Amino acid sequence: MNTNTAEPSIKQVELPRSEGADLHLKGITKRFAEFIAVKDLDLTVPSGTFFALLGPSGCGKSTTLRMIAGLEAPSEGEISIGGKDVTALPSHQREVNTVFQSYALFPHMTVLENVAFGLKRKKDKQAMEKARAGLDMVELAHLANRRPEQLSGGQQQRVALARALVNRPQVLLLDEPLGALDMKLRRQMQMELKSIQTEVGLTFIHVTHDQEEAMTMADVVAVMNEGRIEQMGAPRDLYELPKTAFVANFLGKSNLMRGTVTGERDGLLEVAASGHKILVAVDRAVQHEGEIVVGVRPEKLHLNHEAPTEATGYNELSGEVIDVSFTGTTTEYLIDVAGIGRIGTFAQNRGQQAAEVGNTVYLSWDSAHSFGLAGDELVNAGVDKT
């Protein structure tokens, strides 16, 4: 058993796989007086999926989780788990368990008693045996007789997780469960939560505002904004091909440029943007005529000190460096491009010549990395203004 002060890793023990359940939300709306927190939400989460609800504070993600848990009643709509309508069922009659950011451990009970609590309420004759197995799963069996206040934050989080898992719910709900942990431990727990979910086979619904956390752990991510799902899919798909400006800006950073479609050739849209011609693949654009918004991720851009001597087949822009930020592994640049505005990019620090404020530089990127959004999109939607 690991007795080091560092947080131990999850043991690779043989665990019986649970049968998770499909989760269906149909037409879910939640009103608080005049405020609508969730608006006509339809959602299906297949059994055994690690699903993340991602969005800024106030977007409706925690309210959605509380309705699934039975802690809030929807104003309209239906919720079913495993084909059973649970909309009107109280929380204790639903096959769900919730792990909160606060852990909600009982301070007067030992760690083992905390894990066994739910099983004892169900009068499970094997409550203590199952609780010990749960602690063994998260490698905390050696702390079974301690009180919660004697544990670190990471250890308390593991106890809360074990307590939820030993009840073998059909759906496990995670409400910002890693928010109270420091960065290093949070990243470790991200990997371990995913490992546990894969082992036990449960349906996990994870609510978070942390983009990296959702992208690292989830099979499917739903980005919420103002009570609605803006876009849903695999993390890579959402990042590489956002469908709205909010998703493009909330999941990482994006350079968004307004332009007008002037033609189409060889599967590419030609877009005029303040005197610049930008190409975007037809199948990577949600709109194919009129004014559109073209985007490209900062890391897709190549920064050069010299102008290309011949046509490269890439999109090309030039501008003046107005800001340089050294971040360790990379150097981030902000370039002012005439007519378009500020474009951000970064370069890996590999000993190459760095650009300086005031330098004229040349940017290029493959049209396969452009994406096209609707012309009525607000280019600052989803930008963190803090």
Protein backbone atom coordinates (compact mmCIF):
# COMPACT_ATOMS: atom_id res chain seq x y z
CA MET A 1 0.00 0.00 0.00
CA ASN A 2 1.27 3.43 -0.88
CA THR A 3 2.11 5.33 2.31
CA ASN A 4 3.79 8.33 0.71
CA THR A 5 2.42 11.80 1.36
CA ALA A 6 1.72 12.21 -2.35
CA GLU A 7 -1.75 11.25 -3.53
CA PRO A 8 -1.81 7.53 -4.50
CA SER A 9 -3.07 6.45 -7.86
CA ILE A 10 -6.19 4.34 -8.37
CA LYS A 11 -5.47 0.63 -8.03
CA GLN A 12 -6.16 -1.52 -11.02
CA VAL A 13 -8.43 -3.99 -9.23
CA GLU A 14 -11.05 -6.26 -10.74
CA LEU A 15 -14.40 -4.56 -10.29
CA PRO A 16 -17.81 -5.84 -11.29
CA ARG A 17 -19.10 -3.66 -14.09
CA SER A 18 -22.41 -1.96 -13.42
CA GLU A 19 -25.11 -1.59 -16.00
CA GLY A 20 -25.53 2.09 -16.57
CA ALA A 21 -28.65 3.41 -18.22
CA ASP A 22 -29.63 5.67 -21.07
CA LEU A 23 -30.66 9.12 -19.89
CA HIS A 24 -33.30 11.05 -21.84
CA LEU A 25 -34.39 14.65 -21.32
CA LYS A 26 -37.30 15.76 -23.48
CA GLY A 27 -38.51 19.36 -23.71
CA ILE A 28 -37.03 20.27 -20.31
CA THR A 29 -37.65 23.86 -19.21
CA LYS A 30 -36.98 25.30 -15.77
CA ARG A 31 -38.35 28.67 -14.68
CA PHE A 32 -37.52 30.58 -11.52
CA ALA A 33 -40.14 33.36 -11.35
CA GLU A 34 -39.46 35.43 -14.48
CA PHE A 35 -36.05 33.86 -15.14
CA ILE A 36 -35.76 30.84 -17.46
CA ALA A 37 -32.70 28.82 -16.44
CA VAL A 38 -33.14 25.96 -18.94
CA LYS A 39 -35.03 26.32 -22.22
CA ASP A 40 -36.74 23.44 -24.04
CA LEU A 41 -33.78 21.08 -23.63
CA ASP A 42 -33.67 17.76 -25.48
CA LEU A 43 -30.81 15.46 -24.59
CA THR A 44 -29.94 11.77 -24.87
CA VAL A 45 -26.95 10.26 -23.07
CA PRO A 46 -26.31 6.60 -24.01
CA SER A 47 -25.58 4.05 -21.30
CA GLY A 48 -21.95 3.90 -20.19
CA THR A 49 -21.05 7.34 -21.57
CA PHE A 50 -18.83 9.86 -19.78
CA PHE A 51 -20.83 12.99 -20.64
CA ALA A 52 -19.85 16.56 -19.77
CA LEU A 53 -22.12 19.59 -19.51
CA LEU A 54 -19.78 22.52 -20.06
CA GLY A 55 -20.52 26.21 -19.84
CA PRO A 56 -19.99 29.46 -17.92
CA SER A 57 -21.63 30.24 -14.61
CA GLY A 58 -25.37 30.79 -14.97
CA CYS A 59 -25.74 28.86 -18.24
CA GLY A 60 -28.11 26.26 -16.72
CA LYS A 61 -25.79 23.27 -16.42
CA SER A 62 -26.07 22.82 -12.63
CA THR A 63 -29.83 23.34 -12.77
CA THR A 64 -30.02 20.59 -15.40
CA LEU A 65 -27.98 18.28 -13.15
CA ARG A 66 -30.23 19.02 -10.17
CA MET A 67 -33.31 18.15 -12.23
CA ILE A 68 -31.75 14.82 -13.23
CA ALA A 69 -30.96 14.18 -9.55
CA GLY A 70 -34.51 15.03 -8.47
CA LEU A 71 -33.38 18.02 -6.42
CA GLU A 72 -35.32 20.40 -8.68
CA ALA A 73 -38.55 19.73 -10.57
CA PRO A 74 -38.72 20.79 -14.23
CA SER A 75 -41.36 23.36 -15.11
CA GLU A 76 -41.99 21.43 -18.33
CA GLY A 77 -40.74 18.26 -19.95
CA GLU A 78 -39.86 14.67 -19.07
CA ILE A 79 -36.82 12.88 -17.66
CA SER A 80 -36.31 9.14 -18.08
CA ILE A 81 -33.53 6.84 -16.91
CA GLY A 82 -33.22 3.37 -18.37
CA GLY A 83 -36.57 3.80 -20.10
CA LYS A 84 -38.36 4.68 -16.84
CA ASP A 85 -40.06 8.07 -16.45
CA VAL A 86 -38.61 9.57 -13.26
CA THR A 87 -39.87 13.14 -13.72
CA ALA A 88 -42.16 13.01 -10.70
CA LEU A 89 -39.99 10.72 -8.54
CA PRO A 90 -38.20 12.18 -5.49
CA SER A 91 -34.41 11.98 -5.49
CA HIS A 92 -34.19 9.00 -3.12
CA GLN A 93 -36.28 6.89 -5.48
CA ARG A 94 -34.03 7.50 -8.49
CA GLU A 95 -31.10 5.25 -9.40
CA VAL A 96 -28.70 8.19 -9.30
CA ASN A 97 -25.99 9.42 -6.94
CA THR A 98 -24.33 12.82 -6.88
CA VAL A 99 -20.77 13.84 -6.00
CA PHE A 100 -20.63 17.54 -5.11
CA GLN A 101 -17.70 19.95 -5.04
CA SER A 102 -18.09 20.19 -1.26
CA TYR A 103 -17.97 16.36 -0.90
CA ALA A 104 -20.71 16.55 1.80
CA LEU A 105 -19.03 13.99 4.07
CA PHE A 106 -20.36 13.46 7.60
CA PRO A 107 -17.70 14.84 9.99
CA HIS A 108 -18.78 12.68 12.95
CA MET A 109 -18.37 9.42 10.98
CA THR A 110 -15.23 7.56 10.00
CA VAL A 111 -14.27 7.27 6.36
CA LEU A 112 -15.59 3.70 6.28
CA GLU A 113 -18.88 4.70 7.89
CA ASN A 114 -19.28 7.51 5.36
CA VAL A 115 -18.89 5.11 2.45
CA ALA A 116 -21.26 2.58 4.03
CA PHE A 117 -23.94 5.15 4.91
CA GLY A 118 -26.14 4.76 1.83
CA LEU A 119 -25.86 0.99 1.88
CA LYS A 120 -26.92 0.86 5.53
CA ARG A 121 -29.96 3.02 4.78
CA LYS A 122 -30.93 0.40 2.20
CA LYS A 123 -30.42 -2.26 4.91
CA ASP A 124 -27.78 -3.96 2.77
CA LYS A 125 -26.39 -6.85 4.85
CA GLN A 126 -23.04 -6.52 3.09
CA ALA A 127 -22.79 -2.77 3.67
CA MET A 128 -19.43 -2.78 5.46
CA GLU A 129 -17.89 -5.33 3.11
CA LYS A 130 -18.95 -3.32 0.07
CA ALA A 131 -17.73 -0.10 1.71
CA ARG A 132 -14.28 -1.63 2.26
CA ALA A 133 -14.23 -2.76 -1.37
CA GLY A 134 -15.14 0.80 -2.40
CA LEU A 135 -12.26 2.24 -0.37
CA ASP A 136 -9.92 -0.35 -1.82
CA MET A 137 -11.00 0.75 -5.29
CA VAL A 138 -9.81 4.31 -4.61
CA GLU A 139 -6.82 3.06 -2.58
CA LEU A 140 -7.92 4.52 0.73
CA ALA A 141 -8.53 1.33 2.70
CA HIS A 142 -5.64 2.24 5.01
CA LEU A 143 -7.53 5.40 6.06
CA ALA A 144 -10.84 3.66 6.82
CA ASN A 145 -10.86 4.64 10.51
CA ARG A 146 -9.95 8.29 10.06
CA ARG A 147 -12.38 11.21 10.16
CA PRO A 148 -12.92 13.41 7.08
CA GLU A 149 -11.09 16.38 8.63
CA GLN A 150 -7.95 14.23 8.86
CA LEU A 151 -7.86 13.80 5.07
CA SER A 152 -6.54 16.01 2.30
CA GLY A 153 -8.93 17.51 -0.24
CA GLY A 154 -8.03 14.87 -2.79
CA GLN A 155 -8.60 12.06 -0.31
CA GLN A 156 -11.99 13.49 0.68
CA GLN A 157 -12.93 13.63 -2.98
CA ARG A 158 -12.05 9.94 -3.32
CA VAL A 159 -14.18 9.05 -0.30
CA ALA A 160 -17.16 10.91 -1.78
CA LEU A 161 -16.65 9.08 -5.06
CA ALA A 162 -16.40 5.68 -3.34
CA ARG A 163 -19.57 6.41 -1.35
CA ALA A 164 -21.45 7.13 -4.57
CA LEU A 165 -20.07 4.18 -6.52
CA VAL A 166 -20.74 1.47 -3.92
CA ASN A 167 -24.47 2.12 -4.34
CA ARG A 168 -24.11 1.09 -8.01
CA PRO A 169 -26.39 3.84 -9.38
CA GLN A 170 -27.50 3.74 -12.99
CA VAL A 171 -26.25 7.31 -13.41
CA LEU A 172 -23.52 9.08 -11.44
CA LEU A 173 -23.78 12.87 -11.35
CA LEU A 174 -20.63 14.92 -10.79
CA ASP A 175 -21.22 18.59 -9.90
CA GLU A 176 -17.88 20.43 -10.24
CA PRO A 177 -16.28 17.62 -8.17
CA LEU A 178 -12.68 18.79 -8.71
CA GLY A 179 -13.23 22.51 -8.26
CA ALA A 180 -11.76 22.63 -4.73
CA LEU A 181 -8.51 20.87 -5.68
CA ASP A 182 -5.25 22.47 -6.70
CA MET A 183 -4.15 22.32 -10.34
CA LYS A 184 -1.77 19.35 -10.06
CA LEU A 185 -4.17 17.18 -8.09
CA ARG A 186 -7.10 18.20 -10.29
CA ARG A 187 -5.28 16.95 -13.39
CA GLN A 188 -4.41 13.69 -11.67
CA MET A 189 -8.01 13.16 -10.59
CA GLN A 190 -9.25 13.88 -14.13
CA MET A 191 -7.36 10.86 -15.40
CA GLU A 192 -8.39 8.68 -12.51
CA LEU A 193 -12.09 9.54 -12.72
CA LYS A 194 -12.04 8.56 -16.37
CA SER A 195 -10.25 5.32 -15.49
CA ILE A 196 -12.86 4.47 -12.86
CA GLN A 197 -15.74 5.27 -15.22
CA THR A 198 -14.26 2.96 -17.85
CA GLU A 199 -13.80 0.17 -15.29
CA VAL A 200 -17.23 0.28 -13.65
CA GLY A 201 -19.21 1.05 -16.82
CA LEU A 202 -21.55 3.64 -15.32
CA THR A 203 -23.14 6.58 -17.08
CA PHE A 204 -21.33 9.68 -15.77
CA ILE A 205 -22.82 13.17 -16.13
CA HIS A 206 -20.15 15.71 -15.27
CA VAL A 207 -20.92 19.42 -14.86
CA THR A 208 -17.99 21.80 -15.16
CA HIS A 209 -16.98 25.26 -16.35
CA ASP A 210 -13.41 24.06 -16.96
CA GLN A 211 -12.87 23.46 -20.68
CA GLU A 212 -9.71 21.40 -20.21
CA GLU A 213 -11.44 19.19 -17.66
CA ALA A 214 -14.32 18.44 -20.01
CA MET A 215 -12.07 17.87 -23.03
CA THR A 216 -9.75 15.56 -21.07
CA MET A 217 -12.36 13.33 -19.46
CA ALA A 218 -15.55 13.21 -21.51
CA ASP A 219 -16.57 11.01 -24.44
CA VAL A 220 -19.20 13.60 -25.36
CA VAL A 221 -19.32 17.30 -24.45
CA ALA A 222 -22.39 19.54 -24.58
CA VAL A 223 -21.57 23.25 -24.51
CA MET A 224 -24.37 25.18 -22.80
CA ASN A 225 -25.14 28.87 -23.11
CA GLU A 226 -28.13 30.74 -21.69
CA GLY A 227 -30.10 27.61 -20.93
CA ARG A 228 -29.58 25.91 -24.30
CA ILE A 229 -27.06 23.52 -25.80
CA GLU A 230 -25.05 25.40 -28.42
CA GLN A 231 -23.25 22.32 -29.75
CA MET A 232 -22.68 18.74 -28.69
CA GLY A 233 -20.22 16.10 -29.82
CA ALA A 234 -16.81 14.52 -29.26
CA PRO A 235 -14.31 16.97 -27.72
CA ARG A 236 -12.05 16.98 -30.78
CA ASP A 237 -14.98 17.63 -33.12
CA LEU A 238 -16.18 20.61 -31.09
CA TYR A 239 -12.72 22.10 -30.92
CA GLU A 240 -11.73 21.55 -34.54
CA LEU A 241 -15.09 22.50 -36.06
CA PRO A 242 -17.16 24.82 -33.85
CA LYS A 243 -20.58 25.77 -35.23
CA THR A 244 -21.05 29.04 -33.33
CA ALA A 245 -18.84 31.90 -32.18
CA PHE A 246 -19.65 31.07 -28.56
CA VAL A 247 -18.28 27.54 -28.93
CA ALA A 248 -15.28 28.77 -30.93
CA ASN A 249 -14.34 31.25 -28.19
CA PHE A 250 -15.36 29.28 -25.11
CA LEU A 251 -13.42 26.15 -26.11
CA GLY A 252 -9.95 27.65 -26.30
CA LYS A 253 -9.23 30.70 -28.45
CA SER A 254 -10.20 31.58 -32.01
CA ASN A 255 -9.41 34.30 -34.53
CA LEU A 256 -12.74 35.35 -36.08
CA MET A 257 -12.91 37.57 -39.18
CA ARG A 258 -15.95 38.98 -40.96
CA GLY A 259 -16.12 38.67 -44.73
CA THR A 260 -18.40 38.17 -47.72
CA VAL A 261 -18.55 35.05 -49.89
CA THR A 262 -17.52 36.02 -53.44
CA GLY A 263 -17.35 32.63 -55.09
CA GLU A 264 -16.73 28.91 -54.84
CA ARG A 265 -14.21 26.67 -56.55
CA ASP A 266 -12.81 23.19 -55.95
CA GLY A 267 -14.88 22.75 -52.80
CA LEU A 268 -13.63 26.03 -51.30
CA LEU A 269 -15.50 29.22 -50.52
CA GLU A 270 -13.69 32.41 -51.49
CA VAL A 271 -14.29 35.08 -48.87
CA ALA A 272 -13.38 38.76 -49.19
CA ALA A 273 -12.39 40.16 -45.79
CA SER A 274 -11.39 43.83 -45.82
CA GLY A 275 -9.27 43.46 -48.94
CA HIS A 276 -7.95 40.01 -48.09
CA LYS A 277 -9.01 36.77 -49.76
CA ILE A 278 -9.57 33.88 -47.36
CA LEU A 279 -10.48 30.32 -48.32
CA VAL A 280 -12.62 27.94 -46.26
CA ALA A 281 -13.82 24.47 -47.21
CA VAL A 282 -17.50 24.32 -48.11
CA ASP A 283 -18.06 21.39 -45.75
CA ARG A 284 -16.49 23.35 -42.88
CA ALA A 285 -18.89 26.30 -43.19
CA VAL A 286 -22.43 26.55 -41.80
CA GLN A 287 -23.32 29.26 -44.35
CA HIS A 288 -22.25 29.42 -48.00
CA GLU A 289 -23.35 32.84 -49.22
CA GLY A 290 -23.54 36.46 -48.14
CA GLU A 291 -21.70 37.73 -45.09
CA ILE A 292 -20.07 35.03 -42.97
CA VAL A 293 -17.55 34.82 -40.14
CA VAL A 294 -14.36 32.88 -40.88
CA GLY A 295 -12.35 31.44 -38.01
CA VAL A 296 -8.99 29.78 -37.43
CA ARG A 297 -7.38 28.55 -34.22
CA PRO A 298 -4.16 30.36 -33.16
CA GLU A 299 -2.04 27.20 -33.23
CA LYS A 300 -2.97 26.54 -36.87
CA LEU A 301 -1.17 29.70 -38.00
CA HIS A 302 2.43 29.77 -39.22
CA LEU A 303 4.40 32.92 -38.42
CA ASN A 304 7.19 33.96 -40.79
CA HIS A 305 9.57 36.90 -40.88
CA GLU A 306 9.77 37.03 -44.69
CA ALA A 307 6.98 37.37 -47.23
CA PRO A 308 6.41 34.24 -49.35
CA THR A 309 8.18 34.53 -52.71
CA GLU A 310 5.50 32.53 -54.51
CA ALA A 311 1.93 31.35 -54.05
CA THR A 312 1.82 28.74 -51.29
CA GLY A 313 -1.80 27.63 -51.62
CA TYR A 314 -2.32 28.77 -48.02
CA ASN A 315 -4.34 31.66 -46.67
CA GLU A 316 -1.95 34.56 -46.13
CA LEU A 317 -2.06 37.75 -44.05
CA SER A 318 0.56 40.21 -42.87
CA GLY A 319 0.65 42.68 -40.03
CA GLU A 320 2.57 44.34 -37.23
CA VAL A 321 3.41 42.62 -33.96
CA ILE A 322 1.83 44.62 -31.14
CA ASP A 323 2.34 42.24 -28.20
CA VAL A 324 4.69 39.38 -27.31
CA SER A 325 4.15 37.08 -24.30
CA PHE A 326 6.68 34.42 -23.30
CA THR A 327 4.83 31.55 -21.55
CA GLY A 328 7.62 29.00 -21.23
CA THR A 329 6.87 26.33 -23.80
CA THR A 330 5.49 28.86 -26.28
CA THR A 331 5.63 32.52 -27.18
CA GLU A 332 2.28 34.13 -27.91
CA TYR A 333 1.97 36.94 -30.44
CA LEU A 334 -0.72 39.50 -31.14
CA ILE A 335 -0.57 40.88 -34.69
CA ASP A 336 -2.50 43.87 -36.01
CA VAL A 337 -3.68 43.07 -39.56
CA ALA A 338 -4.91 46.03 -41.61
CA GLY A 339 -8.69 45.95 -42.08
CA ILE A 340 -9.15 42.79 -40.01
CA GLY A 341 -7.82 43.74 -36.59
CA ARG A 342 -5.96 41.70 -34.02
CA ILE A 343 -4.92 38.13 -34.80
CA GLY A 344 -3.40 35.87 -32.15
CA THR A 345 -0.95 33.05 -32.69
CA PHE A 346 1.86 31.31 -30.87
CA ALA A 347 5.05 29.49 -31.68
CA GLN A 348 6.81 26.65 -29.86
CA ASN A 349 10.06 27.81 -28.28
CA ARG A 350 12.55 25.73 -30.23
CA GLY A 351 15.35 28.24 -30.56
CA GLN A 352 14.00 29.94 -33.68
CA GLN A 353 14.21 33.69 -34.22
CA ALA A 354 11.55 35.40 -32.13
CA ALA A 355 9.49 38.30 -33.44
CA GLU A 356 9.50 41.58 -31.56
CA VAL A 357 6.96 44.33 -31.07
CA GLY A 358 6.97 46.54 -34.17
CA ASN A 359 8.13 43.78 -36.54
CA THR A 360 6.18 43.10 -39.71
CA VAL A 361 5.35 39.38 -39.90
CA TYR A 362 3.54 37.11 -42.31
CA LEU A 363 0.86 34.63 -41.26
CA SER A 364 -0.32 31.63 -43.25
CA TRP A 365 -2.58 28.65 -42.69
CA ASP A 366 -4.07 25.75 -44.60
CA SER A 367 -7.65 26.39 -45.74
CA ALA A 368 -8.48 22.96 -44.29
CA HIS A 369 -8.11 24.57 -40.86
CA SER A 370 -10.52 27.44 -41.52
CA PHE A 371 -14.12 27.18 -40.36
CA GLY A 372 -17.10 29.26 -41.39
CA LEU A 373 -19.85 30.58 -39.11
CA ALA A 374 -23.11 32.38 -39.80
CA GLY A 375 -22.83 36.07 -40.65
CA ASP A 376 -25.02 37.16 -37.73
CA GLU A 377 -22.69 35.65 -35.11
CA LEU A 378 -21.24 38.00 -32.47
CA VAL A 379 -17.48 37.53 -32.77
CA ASN A 380 -16.93 38.19 -29.04
CA ALA A 381 -19.53 35.67 -27.85
CA GLY A 382 -18.01 33.31 -25.29
CA VAL A 383 -14.87 35.39 -24.77
CA ASP A 384 -13.72 35.43 -21.14
CA LYS A 385 -13.77 39.11 -20.21
CA THR A 386 -12.27 38.66 -16.74
